[in-house]
Amino acid sequence: MDVFLLIFILAVLGLAIVTNTRLLIYYQQPEDVGFSNSILCKVIIVASLTLTWMINLLLPIDVRNSRPSPGFLDMQSLWTAAFVTLAVFIVLVVPAAMFYYEVEGDEFVKRKRRYVMCSMLMTFIFSAALLGISFPFLSKAAIPVVSYACKEWQTSDETGRSKVCGNGQPTEIEVQVGFQIYLVSVLCFLGWFLLSIFGGIGLSAAPLDMILSFVDRPRAINESTYRQRKKMVGLAAGVLLQRAEELQQRDDDMVEASKGSKRRLSWGAWQANRNLRQVRTDYNRFKCDVLLLEEEFEKLQISKFNKGESLLVAVLKLCCGILFAILSLAWVLQIIMSVIVPQISGQPGPPFLNSLLAACEDAGLYPLGVALYACFNFYMLICVVKGCTKFGMRIAFFLSIHPMRAQNTPLNSILFNVEMLLVSSGALVQFSQTTFSDYARLTEADVIFSAQIQRLTFYRFFFENHIFIITMLSVFLIALIFLLVRPRDQGSVSFSAPDKKLVSLATAAKTDKC
């Protein structure tokens, strides 16, 4: 038994629980402080984040267990159990917490448990039907083999058999994979949509935002400047308050109109649904404006009463921005060398990060190798959250934003980001196994992802041709160009110049008064 590996797993599990609990305390709103407030949601958040940690660190554990000789852990069973647990959290546990938190304290929902149970039952039926229907048709893997047609091999001696059976033809045989392998492939396939889009955006947005937070940091201002900008913020807040009332009225009107339109399929029903979608889009834009206005007010308070942001905090943001830029560049180079170059040339590319992980393994510095691997993987998870927020800020009609703000993040926003991390985790594990293929050699992960999932009939085109990885790299390049041209979110405030969006809101307020 590898005692070191066992102690390492327990240490990582304990560190994950403590760190995730601290993260929850750091981000939750002041009204949610206290162990008794929404205890179920908080336990689910910590458990989900811990599961994200463990499933992303299973590959280094698999490496340690497989080399130099097979260890005591049954990694195939561990991988299966991890992904089954991941599916349960994605489909049942986290959505149940989100549904419960939404109706908690809502007087209009009398039977909250029944509401949550009915919602979860519908979610479970839909997910089970999707898996049950698709499994018989999409669970066949085409395994490459070499076929030999040897009619006289039994009559030939051992020296002549190689000549008689020397002309092999490459072919494929179909193999039915188990349901657990198919479940892993579905989770990876769905997670790739989030990882390739939001991860690609985040790779460019995360370092740029940290550097901009240093450039646009709050600086000390005099009393007259403070009063002027405070008045502008107040006028803008008045406009947003008026807009909120208009949105509420429009939403009430749409609900009333939809009651009469749902009974029949008509032009009026289609128009009502279209208007309702427009209200939701306007509400998403409203949330973006409110977020930016709150950030402006916080900066204004720091500039006046704290004489600007602490130099230490500003320098730390700049250092984080530089570190994020290095990590993003390293990921891009690793993708190019381990995926793009072999795809074009047909030959293995330079090892790059694989050589660092291999050096740690050869030198006996296993914890250092795990730390490097975890650094890159967890940074990619940060990029997914950052990319989703950035996408929502720039394209408000697509989804609502759920930014993670210190001491000011509602539990439902934390649950939304946790769900997104869980969905992305399966794809991230496959992404790491692909890009760190030298590091992942001879592991059960290599067998599951490269020999089985990658060969499944339907998913083969996407995984063998690395469609999602190429999409991620393309999204990164497009987002990088766009963010270099327009680095700040619309309405974000720079203390070096008046903000156009804020000025327009303030001007609108003055016009209404006139």
Protein backbone atom coordinates (compact mmCIF):
# COMPACT_ATOMS: atom_id res chain seq x y z
CA MET A 1 0.00 0.00 0.00
CA ASP A 2 1.26 3.47 -0.94
CA VAL A 3 0.92 5.23 2.43
CA PHE A 4 2.12 8.53 0.98
CA LEU A 5 -0.63 8.50 -1.67
CA LEU A 6 -3.28 7.77 0.95
CA ILE A 7 -2.07 10.58 3.21
CA PHE A 8 -1.87 12.90 0.21
CA ILE A 9 -5.49 12.20 -0.80
CA LEU A 10 -6.74 12.86 2.74
CA ALA A 11 -4.67 16.05 2.96
CA VAL A 12 -6.07 17.35 -0.34
CA LEU A 13 -9.62 16.51 0.76
CA GLY A 14 -9.17 18.39 4.05
CA LEU A 15 -7.54 21.36 2.33
CA ALA A 16 -10.37 21.49 -0.21
CA ILE A 17 -13.08 21.57 2.48
CA VAL A 18 -11.32 24.30 4.48
CA THR A 19 -10.51 26.43 1.42
CA ASN A 20 -13.99 26.16 -0.06
CA THR A 21 -15.58 27.07 3.26
CA ARG A 22 -13.38 30.16 3.43
CA LEU A 23 -14.32 31.06 -0.14
CA LEU A 24 -18.00 30.82 0.71
CA ILE A 25 -17.54 33.07 3.75
CA TYR A 26 -15.53 35.54 1.66
CA TYR A 27 -18.11 35.90 -1.12
CA GLN A 28 -21.48 35.53 0.63
CA GLN A 29 -23.62 38.54 1.51
CA PRO A 30 -23.65 39.86 5.09
CA GLU A 31 -27.30 38.80 5.53
CA ASP A 32 -26.28 35.21 4.75
CA VAL A 33 -23.58 35.17 7.43
CA GLY A 34 -24.25 32.59 10.10
CA PHE A 35 -24.18 28.82 10.00
CA SER A 36 -27.93 28.48 10.51
CA ASN A 37 -28.89 30.70 7.55
CA SER A 38 -29.57 28.58 4.43
CA ILE A 39 -27.44 25.79 5.88
CA LEU A 40 -28.52 23.30 3.19
CA CYS A 41 -27.37 25.58 0.36
CA LYS A 42 -24.06 26.27 2.06
CA VAL A 43 -23.32 22.58 2.65
CA ILE A 44 -24.12 21.84 -1.00
CA ILE A 45 -21.87 24.69 -2.17
CA VAL A 46 -18.90 23.45 -0.13
CA ALA A 47 -19.51 19.83 -1.15
CA SER A 48 -19.82 20.76 -4.84
CA LEU A 49 -16.62 22.79 -4.84
CA THR A 50 -14.82 19.97 -3.02
CA LEU A 51 -16.06 17.53 -5.67
CA THR A 52 -14.71 19.89 -8.34
CA TRP A 53 -11.32 19.85 -6.62
CA MET A 54 -11.17 16.10 -6.29
CA ILE A 55 -12.33 15.21 -9.80
CA ASN A 56 -9.73 17.58 -11.30
CA LEU A 57 -6.98 16.10 -9.13
CA LEU A 58 -7.83 12.48 -9.92
CA LEU A 59 -5.44 12.49 -12.87
CA PRO A 60 -2.30 13.16 -10.73
CA ILE A 61 -3.56 10.51 -8.30
CA ASP A 62 -3.98 8.14 -11.25
CA VAL A 63 -0.41 8.93 -12.36
CA ARG A 64 1.00 8.16 -8.92
CA ASN A 65 -1.04 4.95 -8.71
CA SER A 66 0.05 3.68 -12.15
CA ARG A 67 3.79 4.39 -12.15
CA PRO A 68 6.34 2.93 -11.73
CA SER A 69 4.15 -0.06 -10.81
CA PRO A 70 0.36 -0.41 -10.37
CA GLY A 71 -0.80 0.76 -6.95
CA PHE A 72 -3.49 -0.39 -4.56
CA LEU A 73 -6.24 1.94 -5.85
CA ASP A 74 -8.81 0.72 -8.36
CA MET A 75 -8.72 3.86 -10.48
CA GLN A 76 -11.34 2.66 -12.96
CA SER A 77 -13.85 2.35 -10.13
CA LEU A 78 -12.75 5.72 -8.72
CA TRP A 79 -13.19 7.45 -12.08
CA THR A 80 -16.63 5.86 -12.48
CA ALA A 81 -17.72 6.81 -8.95
CA ALA A 82 -16.43 10.38 -9.41
CA PHE A 83 -18.35 10.95 -12.64
CA VAL A 84 -21.52 9.31 -11.33
CA THR A 85 -21.36 11.60 -8.30
CA LEU A 86 -20.71 14.52 -10.62
CA ALA A 87 -23.83 13.65 -12.64
CA VAL A 88 -25.94 13.45 -9.47
CA PHE A 89 -24.74 16.87 -8.31
CA ILE A 90 -25.27 18.45 -11.74
CA VAL A 91 -28.76 17.05 -12.32
CA LEU A 92 -30.22 16.79 -8.82
CA VAL A 93 -28.29 18.25 -5.89
CA VAL A 94 -27.28 21.75 -7.05
CA PRO A 95 -30.52 22.43 -9.02
CA ALA A 96 -32.52 21.39 -5.94
CA ALA A 97 -30.58 23.90 -3.84
CA MET A 98 -31.18 26.61 -6.46
CA PHE A 99 -34.91 25.90 -6.60
CA TYR A 100 -35.16 25.84 -2.80
CA TYR A 101 -33.23 29.07 -2.34
CA GLU A 102 -35.43 30.83 -4.91
CA VAL A 103 -38.66 29.98 -3.07
CA GLU A 104 -37.26 30.34 0.45
CA GLY A 105 -39.06 33.30 1.98
CA ASP A 106 -41.45 33.59 -0.96
CA GLU A 107 -44.93 33.94 0.49
CA PHE A 108 -46.62 33.17 -2.84
CA VAL A 109 -45.22 29.61 -2.86
CA LYS A 110 -47.10 27.90 -0.05
CA ARG A 111 -45.75 24.37 -0.42
CA LYS A 112 -42.07 24.89 -1.00
CA ARG A 113 -40.98 21.27 -0.66
CA ARG A 114 -43.59 20.12 -3.16
CA TYR A 115 -42.45 22.82 -5.59
CA VAL A 116 -38.81 21.72 -5.28
CA MET A 117 -39.69 18.02 -5.59
CA CYS A 118 -41.83 18.59 -8.68
CA SER A 119 -39.10 20.67 -10.31
CA MET A 120 -36.48 18.04 -9.54
CA LEU A 121 -38.72 15.24 -10.78
CA MET A 122 -39.10 16.95 -14.14
CA THR A 123 -35.35 17.54 -14.34
CA PHE A 124 -34.61 13.91 -13.49
CA ILE A 125 -37.14 12.55 -16.00
CA PHE A 126 -35.73 14.72 -18.78
CA SER A 127 -32.11 13.75 -18.02
CA ALA A 128 -32.92 10.03 -17.65
CA ALA A 129 -34.90 10.05 -20.89
CA LEU A 130 -32.03 11.76 -22.72
CA LEU A 131 -29.52 9.17 -21.52
CA GLY A 132 -31.86 6.19 -21.91
CA ILE A 133 -32.86 7.03 -25.48
CA SER A 134 -29.40 7.95 -26.73
CA PHE A 135 -27.46 5.11 -25.06
CA PRO A 136 -28.50 2.26 -27.43
CA PHE A 137 -27.66 4.34 -30.50
CA LEU A 138 -24.54 6.28 -29.50
CA SER A 139 -22.67 3.89 -27.20
CA LYS A 140 -20.69 1.96 -29.82
CA ALA A 141 -16.95 2.56 -30.03
CA ALA A 142 -14.88 1.89 -33.18
CA ILE A 143 -11.60 0.40 -31.96
CA PRO A 144 -8.74 0.37 -34.55
CA VAL A 145 -7.12 -3.03 -35.07
CA VAL A 146 -4.94 -4.75 -37.70
CA SER A 147 -6.63 -7.63 -39.52
CA TYR A 148 -4.59 -10.60 -40.79
CA ALA A 149 -5.99 -13.11 -43.28
CA CYS A 150 -3.91 -16.27 -42.72
CA LYS A 151 -5.25 -19.51 -44.15
CA GLU A 152 -1.99 -21.47 -43.89
CA TRP A 153 -0.62 -20.21 -40.59
CA GLN A 154 -1.24 -23.51 -38.77
CA THR A 155 0.72 -25.54 -41.29
CA SER A 156 3.69 -23.20 -41.35
CA ASP A 157 6.54 -23.36 -38.92
CA GLU A 158 7.25 -20.48 -36.54
CA THR A 159 9.83 -18.91 -38.82
CA GLY A 160 7.46 -18.91 -41.79
CA ARG A 161 4.37 -17.61 -40.04
CA SER A 162 5.61 -14.03 -40.17
CA LYS A 163 5.83 -14.26 -43.97
CA VAL A 164 2.45 -15.95 -44.40
CA CYS A 165 0.67 -13.55 -42.03
CA GLY A 166 2.78 -10.49 -42.67
CA ASN A 167 0.27 -8.47 -44.72
CA GLY A 168 -2.08 -6.96 -42.18
CA GLN A 169 -4.82 -4.52 -43.07
CA PRO A 170 -5.89 -1.75 -40.66
CA THR A 171 -9.57 -1.97 -39.81
CA GLU A 172 -11.96 -1.25 -36.95
CA ILE A 173 -14.21 -3.34 -34.76
CA GLU A 174 -17.32 -2.05 -33.00
CA VAL A 175 -17.48 -2.51 -29.26
CA GLN A 176 -20.44 -1.69 -27.01
CA VAL A 177 -19.17 0.38 -24.07
CA GLY A 178 -20.73 0.24 -20.66
CA PHE A 179 -23.28 2.74 -19.44
CA GLN A 180 -20.77 4.29 -17.03
CA ILE A 181 -18.37 5.07 -19.89
CA TYR A 182 -21.21 6.54 -21.94
CA LEU A 183 -22.22 8.71 -18.98
CA VAL A 184 -18.66 10.05 -18.79
CA SER A 185 -18.72 10.86 -22.51
CA VAL A 186 -22.03 12.75 -22.20
CA LEU A 187 -20.77 14.80 -19.26
CA CYS A 188 -17.57 15.64 -21.13
CA PHE A 189 -19.43 16.51 -24.33
CA LEU A 190 -21.84 18.89 -22.57
CA GLY A 191 -19.09 20.44 -20.47
CA TRP A 192 -17.02 21.22 -23.57
CA PHE A 193 -19.55 23.83 -24.72
CA LEU A 194 -18.95 25.86 -21.54
CA LEU A 195 -15.23 25.20 -21.39
CA SER A 196 -14.49 26.04 -25.02
CA ILE A 197 -16.52 29.29 -25.09
CA PHE A 198 -16.26 30.71 -21.57
CA GLY A 199 -12.80 29.25 -20.97
CA GLY A 200 -11.53 30.81 -24.20
CA ILE A 201 -12.97 34.19 -23.26
CA GLY A 202 -11.62 33.93 -19.73
CA LEU A 203 -8.08 33.16 -20.89
CA SER A 204 -7.94 36.64 -22.38
CA ALA A 205 -10.28 38.48 -19.99
CA ALA A 206 -8.82 37.32 -16.65
CA PRO A 207 -5.34 38.90 -17.04
CA LEU A 208 -6.66 42.03 -18.79
CA ASP A 209 -9.25 42.70 -16.08
CA MET A 210 -6.69 42.34 -13.30
CA ILE A 211 -4.29 44.72 -15.03
CA LEU A 212 -7.13 47.19 -15.70
CA SER A 213 -8.15 47.03 -12.04
CA PHE A 214 -4.64 48.30 -11.26
CA VAL A 215 -4.76 51.00 -13.95
CA ASP A 216 -8.27 52.18 -12.95
CA ARG A 217 -7.68 51.84 -9.21
CA PRO A 218 -9.34 54.45 -6.98
CA ARG A 219 -7.08 57.41 -6.29
CA ALA A 220 -7.44 60.17 -3.73
CA ILE A 221 -9.79 62.99 -4.83
CA ASN A 222 -10.66 66.39 -3.34
CA GLU A 223 -14.03 67.42 -1.91
CA SER A 224 -15.32 69.21 -5.02
CA THR A 225 -14.55 66.24 -7.27
CA TYR A 226 -16.20 63.93 -4.76
CA ARG A 227 -19.39 66.00 -4.66
CA GLN A 228 -19.52 66.27 -8.43
CA ARG A 229 -19.15 62.56 -9.03
CA LYS A 230 -21.44 61.69 -6.15
CA LYS A 231 -24.14 63.86 -7.70
CA MET A 232 -23.61 62.13 -11.03
CA VAL A 233 -23.91 58.72 -9.36
CA GLY A 234 -27.10 59.83 -7.61
CA LEU A 235 -28.68 60.99 -10.88
CA ALA A 236 -27.71 57.74 -12.58
CA ALA A 237 -29.16 55.75 -9.67
CA GLY A 238 -32.42 57.65 -10.06
CA VAL A 239 -32.60 56.72 -13.74
CA LEU A 240 -31.94 53.06 -12.93
CA LEU A 241 -34.60 53.12 -10.22
CA GLN A 242 -37.10 54.50 -12.71
CA ARG A 243 -36.08 51.84 -15.21
CA ALA A 244 -36.59 49.16 -12.56
CA GLU A 245 -40.14 50.34 -11.98
CA GLU A 246 -40.80 50.29 -15.72
CA LEU A 247 -39.44 46.76 -16.01
CA GLN A 248 -41.62 45.62 -13.12
CA GLN A 249 -44.69 47.14 -14.74
CA ARG A 250 -43.85 45.58 -18.12
CA ASP A 251 -43.32 42.21 -16.49
CA ASP A 252 -46.70 42.39 -14.72
CA ASP A 253 -48.40 43.37 -17.98
CA MET A 254 -46.75 40.49 -19.84
CA VAL A 255 -47.81 37.98 -17.20
CA GLU A 256 -51.41 39.15 -17.39
CA ALA A 257 -51.36 39.09 -21.19
CA SER A 258 -49.83 35.61 -21.30
CA LYS A 259 -52.62 34.14 -19.17
CA GLY A 260 -55.12 34.72 -21.93
CA SER A 261 -52.74 33.72 -24.72
CA LYS A 262 -51.62 30.33 -23.41
CA ARG A 263 -54.98 28.72 -24.10
CA ARG A 264 -54.61 28.84 -27.85
CA LEU A 265 -51.88 29.05 -30.44
CA SER A 266 -52.28 32.45 -31.98
CA TRP A 267 -50.38 35.48 -33.15
CA GLY A 268 -51.12 37.13 -29.80
CA ALA A 269 -49.50 34.27 -27.86
CA TRP A 270 -46.37 34.38 -30.02
CA GLN A 271 -46.17 38.15 -29.64
CA ALA A 272 -46.61 37.90 -25.85
CA ASN A 273 -43.73 35.40 -25.59
CA ARG A 274 -41.56 37.64 -27.73
CA ASN A 275 -42.32 40.64 -25.53
CA LEU A 276 -41.55 38.58 -22.42
CA ARG A 277 -38.14 37.63 -23.84
CA GLN A 278 -37.50 41.31 -24.55
CA VAL A 279 -38.32 42.16 -20.94
CA ARG A 280 -35.82 39.57 -19.74
CA THR A 281 -33.16 40.96 -22.08
CA ASP A 282 -33.78 44.49 -20.80
CA TYR A 283 -33.59 43.17 -17.26
CA ASN A 284 -30.18 41.60 -17.97
CA ARG A 285 -28.95 44.94 -19.32
CA PHE A 286 -30.37 46.61 -16.23
CA LYS A 287 -28.42 44.22 -13.98
CA CYS A 288 -25.22 45.07 -15.86
CA ASP A 289 -25.81 48.81 -15.37
CA VAL A 290 -26.58 48.30 -11.67
CA LEU A 291 -23.41 46.27 -11.19
CA LEU A 292 -21.26 48.92 -12.86
CA LEU A 293 -22.92 51.71 -10.87
CA GLU A 294 -22.33 49.86 -7.60
CA GLU A 295 -18.67 49.39 -8.51
CA GLU A 296 -18.40 53.12 -9.30
CA PHE A 297 -19.92 54.05 -5.94
CA GLU A 298 -17.55 51.69 -4.09
CA LYS A 299 -14.56 53.22 -5.89
CA LEU A 300 -15.85 56.70 -5.07
CA GLN A 301 -16.09 55.87 -1.37
CA ILE A 302 -12.56 54.44 -1.35
CA SER A 303 -11.21 57.52 -3.14
CA LYS A 304 -12.76 59.92 -0.65
CA PHE A 305 -12.60 58.22 2.72
CA ASN A 306 -9.60 55.89 2.27
CA LYS A 307 -7.57 58.37 0.22
CA GLY A 308 -7.50 55.90 -2.64
CA GLU A 309 -6.81 52.21 -2.82
CA SER A 310 -3.95 50.77 -0.80
CA LEU A 311 -0.74 50.60 -2.78
CA LEU A 312 -0.16 47.03 -1.58
CA VAL A 313 -3.58 45.90 -2.87
CA ALA A 314 -3.00 47.65 -6.20
CA VAL A 315 0.43 46.03 -6.64
CA LEU A 316 -1.03 42.62 -5.76
CA LYS A 317 -3.65 43.08 -8.49
CA LEU A 318 -0.94 43.94 -10.99
CA CYS A 319 1.11 40.90 -9.97
CA CYS A 320 -1.98 38.69 -10.30
CA GLY A 321 -2.61 40.16 -13.74
CA ILE A 322 0.94 39.36 -14.83
CA LEU A 323 0.70 35.84 -13.36
CA PHE A 324 -2.63 35.28 -15.13
CA ALA A 325 -1.10 36.48 -18.40
CA ILE A 326 1.76 33.98 -17.99
CA LEU A 327 -0.70 31.15 -17.27
CA SER A 328 -2.88 32.08 -20.25
CA LEU A 329 0.15 32.23 -22.55
CA ALA A 330 1.38 28.87 -21.21
CA TRP A 331 -2.01 27.27 -21.86
CA VAL A 332 -2.14 28.64 -25.40
CA LEU A 333 1.38 27.41 -26.17
CA GLN A 334 0.59 24.00 -24.69
CA ILE A 335 -2.54 23.73 -26.87
CA ILE A 336 -0.56 24.65 -29.96
CA MET A 337 2.31 22.23 -29.22
CA SER A 338 0.28 19.26 -27.98
CA VAL A 339 -2.82 19.53 -30.21
CA ILE A 340 -2.40 21.83 -33.21
CA VAL A 341 1.13 20.77 -34.24
CA PRO A 342 0.40 17.00 -34.11
CA GLN A 343 -2.91 17.61 -35.90
CA ILE A 344 -1.13 19.33 -38.79
CA SER A 345 2.16 17.42 -39.01
CA GLY A 346 1.10 14.01 -37.75
CA GLN A 347 4.13 13.98 -35.46
CA PRO A 348 4.27 14.59 -31.69
CA GLY A 349 4.90 18.22 -30.80
CA PRO A 350 7.37 19.63 -28.25
CA PRO A 351 6.55 18.49 -24.68
CA PHE A 352 6.67 21.98 -23.08
CA LEU A 353 4.59 21.71 -19.86
CA ASN A 354 4.73 17.91 -20.05
CA SER A 355 8.48 18.17 -19.52
CA LEU A 356 7.97 20.20 -16.32
CA LEU A 357 5.55 17.63 -14.91
CA ALA A 358 7.85 14.78 -15.97
CA ALA A 359 10.84 16.51 -14.34
CA CYS A 360 8.96 16.76 -11.05
CA GLU A 361 8.01 13.09 -11.28
CA ASP A 362 11.54 11.92 -12.13
CA ALA A 363 13.05 14.00 -9.32
CA GLY A 364 10.65 12.51 -6.78
CA LEU A 365 8.89 15.86 -6.30
CA TYR A 366 5.38 14.49 -6.69
CA PRO A 367 3.65 17.20 -4.59
CA LEU A 368 5.31 19.93 -6.68
CA GLY A 369 4.06 18.29 -9.88
CA VAL A 370 0.54 18.09 -8.46
CA ALA A 371 0.75 21.76 -7.43
CA LEU A 372 1.75 22.78 -10.98
CA TYR A 373 -1.02 20.66 -12.49
CA ALA A 374 -3.58 22.03 -10.03
CA CYS A 375 -2.43 25.60 -10.71
CA PHE A 376 -3.16 25.29 -14.43
CA ASN A 377 -6.45 23.42 -13.97
CA PHE A 378 -7.87 25.69 -11.28
CA TYR A 379 -6.84 28.73 -13.29
CA MET A 380 -8.88 27.35 -16.18
CA LEU A 381 -11.89 27.06 -13.85
CA ILE A 382 -11.39 30.71 -12.87
CA CYS A 383 -11.33 31.56 -16.58
CA VAL A 384 -14.67 29.78 -17.07
CA VAL A 385 -16.33 31.92 -14.38
CA LYS A 386 -14.67 35.11 -15.65
CA GLY A 387 -15.58 34.28 -19.25
CA CYS A 388 -19.23 33.71 -18.37
CA THR A 389 -19.42 37.05 -16.55
CA LYS A 390 -17.63 38.88 -19.35
CA PHE A 391 -19.89 37.28 -21.95
CA GLY A 392 -22.97 38.32 -19.99
CA MET A 393 -21.71 41.89 -19.59
CA ARG A 394 -21.07 42.29 -23.32
CA ILE A 395 -24.02 40.24 -24.68
CA ALA A 396 -26.81 40.87 -22.19
CA PHE A 397 -29.60 39.28 -24.23
CA PHE A 398 -28.05 35.79 -23.99
CA LEU A 399 -27.79 35.18 -20.25
CA SER A 400 -28.03 36.90 -16.91
CA ILE A 401 -24.82 37.80 -15.09
CA HIS A 402 -23.85 36.27 -11.74
CA PRO A 403 -20.62 38.07 -10.77
CA MET A 404 -18.60 36.89 -7.77
CA ARG A 405 -18.09 39.93 -5.53
CA ALA A 406 -16.48 39.88 -2.10
CA GLN A 407 -19.09 40.07 0.69
CA ASN A 408 -21.78 40.86 -1.86
CA THR A 409 -22.69 37.67 -3.74
CA PRO A 410 -26.15 36.10 -3.24
CA LEU A 411 -26.22 32.38 -2.63
CA ASN A 412 -28.16 31.76 -5.83
CA SER A 413 -25.35 33.44 -7.83
CA ILE A 414 -22.78 31.28 -6.02
CA LEU A 415 -24.88 28.20 -6.82
CA PHE A 416 -25.07 29.23 -10.49
CA ASN A 417 -21.28 29.48 -10.73
CA VAL A 418 -20.85 26.22 -8.81
CA GLU A 419 -23.15 24.46 -11.29
CA MET A 420 -21.13 25.88 -14.16
CA LEU A 421 -17.88 24.64 -12.60
CA LEU A 422 -19.34 21.17 -12.12
CA VAL A 423 -20.52 20.97 -15.73
CA SER A 424 -17.10 22.14 -16.97
CA SER A 425 -15.11 19.76 -14.77
CA GLY A 426 -15.65 16.65 -16.88
CA ALA A 427 -14.49 18.42 -20.04
CA LEU A 428 -11.54 19.95 -18.18
CA VAL A 429 -10.36 16.51 -17.08
CA GLN A 430 -10.48 15.30 -20.69
CA PHE A 431 -8.79 18.51 -21.84
CA SER A 432 -5.95 17.99 -19.35
CA GLN A 433 -5.57 14.35 -20.33
CA THR A 434 -5.27 15.40 -23.98
CA THR A 435 -2.87 18.31 -23.53
CA PHE A 436 -0.79 16.52 -20.87
CA SER A 437 -0.81 13.20 -22.74
CA ASP A 438 2.82 12.38 -21.87
CA TYR A 439 2.11 12.97 -18.19
CA ALA A 440 -1.11 10.89 -18.36
CA ARG A 441 0.42 7.86 -20.11
CA LEU A 442 -0.27 4.36 -18.76
CA THR A 443 -3.13 5.59 -16.58
CA GLU A 444 -6.75 4.50 -16.40
CA ALA A 445 -7.67 8.01 -17.52
CA ASP A 446 -5.73 7.39 -20.73
CA VAL A 447 -7.70 4.19 -21.33
CA ILE A 448 -11.08 5.82 -20.58
CA PHE A 449 -10.66 9.07 -22.51
CA SER A 450 -8.31 8.09 -25.35
CA ALA A 451 -9.18 4.45 -26.03
CA GLN A 452 -12.93 4.47 -25.33
CA ILE A 453 -14.63 7.87 -25.22
CA GLN A 454 -12.60 9.28 -28.09
CA ARG A 455 -13.70 6.32 -30.25
CA LEU A 456 -17.44 6.55 -29.65
CA THR A 457 -19.29 6.78 -32.97
CA PHE A 458 -21.13 10.07 -32.46
CA TYR A 459 -18.51 11.89 -30.35
CA ARG A 460 -15.56 10.66 -32.39
CA PHE A 461 -15.65 13.52 -34.88
CA PHE A 462 -15.50 16.13 -32.12
CA PHE A 463 -12.87 14.44 -29.94
CA GLU A 464 -10.49 12.97 -32.55
CA ASN A 465 -10.37 16.21 -34.54
CA HIS A 466 -10.15 18.30 -31.35
CA ILE A 467 -13.04 20.50 -32.49
CA PHE A 468 -13.67 21.93 -29.03
CA ILE A 469 -10.00 22.65 -28.31
CA ILE A 470 -9.62 24.44 -31.65
CA THR A 471 -12.82 26.35 -30.85
CA MET A 472 -11.36 27.40 -27.50
CA LEU A 473 -8.20 28.67 -29.14
CA SER A 474 -10.23 30.56 -31.77
CA VAL A 475 -12.49 32.12 -29.13
CA PHE A 476 -9.41 33.17 -27.17
CA LEU A 477 -7.91 34.95 -30.18
CA ILE A 478 -11.21 36.68 -31.08
CA ALA A 479 -11.83 37.72 -27.46
CA LEU A 480 -8.25 38.97 -27.10
CA ILE A 481 -8.55 41.20 -30.16
CA PHE A 482 -11.94 42.48 -29.06
CA LEU A 483 -10.85 43.19 -25.49
CA LEU A 484 -7.69 44.96 -26.63
CA VAL A 485 -9.86 47.25 -28.77
CA ARG A 486 -12.57 47.67 -26.11
CA PRO A 487 -10.95 46.61 -22.83
CA ARG A 488 -13.54 48.05 -20.44
CA ASP A 489 -17.11 46.94 -20.01
CA GLN A 490 -19.65 49.39 -21.31
CA GLY A 491 -20.32 51.73 -18.45
CA SER A 492 -17.26 50.82 -16.39
CA VAL A 493 -15.69 53.90 -14.89
CA SER A 494 -12.12 55.06 -15.25
CA PHE A 495 -11.04 57.68 -12.70
CA SER A 496 -8.82 59.30 -15.27
CA ALA A 497 -11.73 60.39 -17.48
CA PRO A 498 -15.52 60.89 -17.17
CA ASP A 499 -17.55 57.81 -17.95
CA LYS A 500 -19.77 58.13 -21.03
CA LYS A 501 -22.44 55.75 -19.80
CA LEU A 502 -22.65 57.43 -16.42
CA VAL A 503 -22.81 60.87 -18.03
CA SER A 504 -25.60 59.73 -20.34
CA LEU A 505 -27.62 58.39 -17.41
CA ALA A 506 -27.09 61.59 -15.46
CA THR A 507 -28.06 63.69 -18.50
CA ALA A 508 -31.22 61.63 -18.90
CA ALA A 509 -32.11 62.30 -15.28
CA LYS A 510 -31.65 66.06 -15.73
CA THR A 511 -33.80 65.99 -18.87
CA ASP A 512 -36.61 64.20 -17.05
CA LYS A 513 -36.57 66.81 -14.31
CA CYS A 514 -36.82 69.61 -16.84
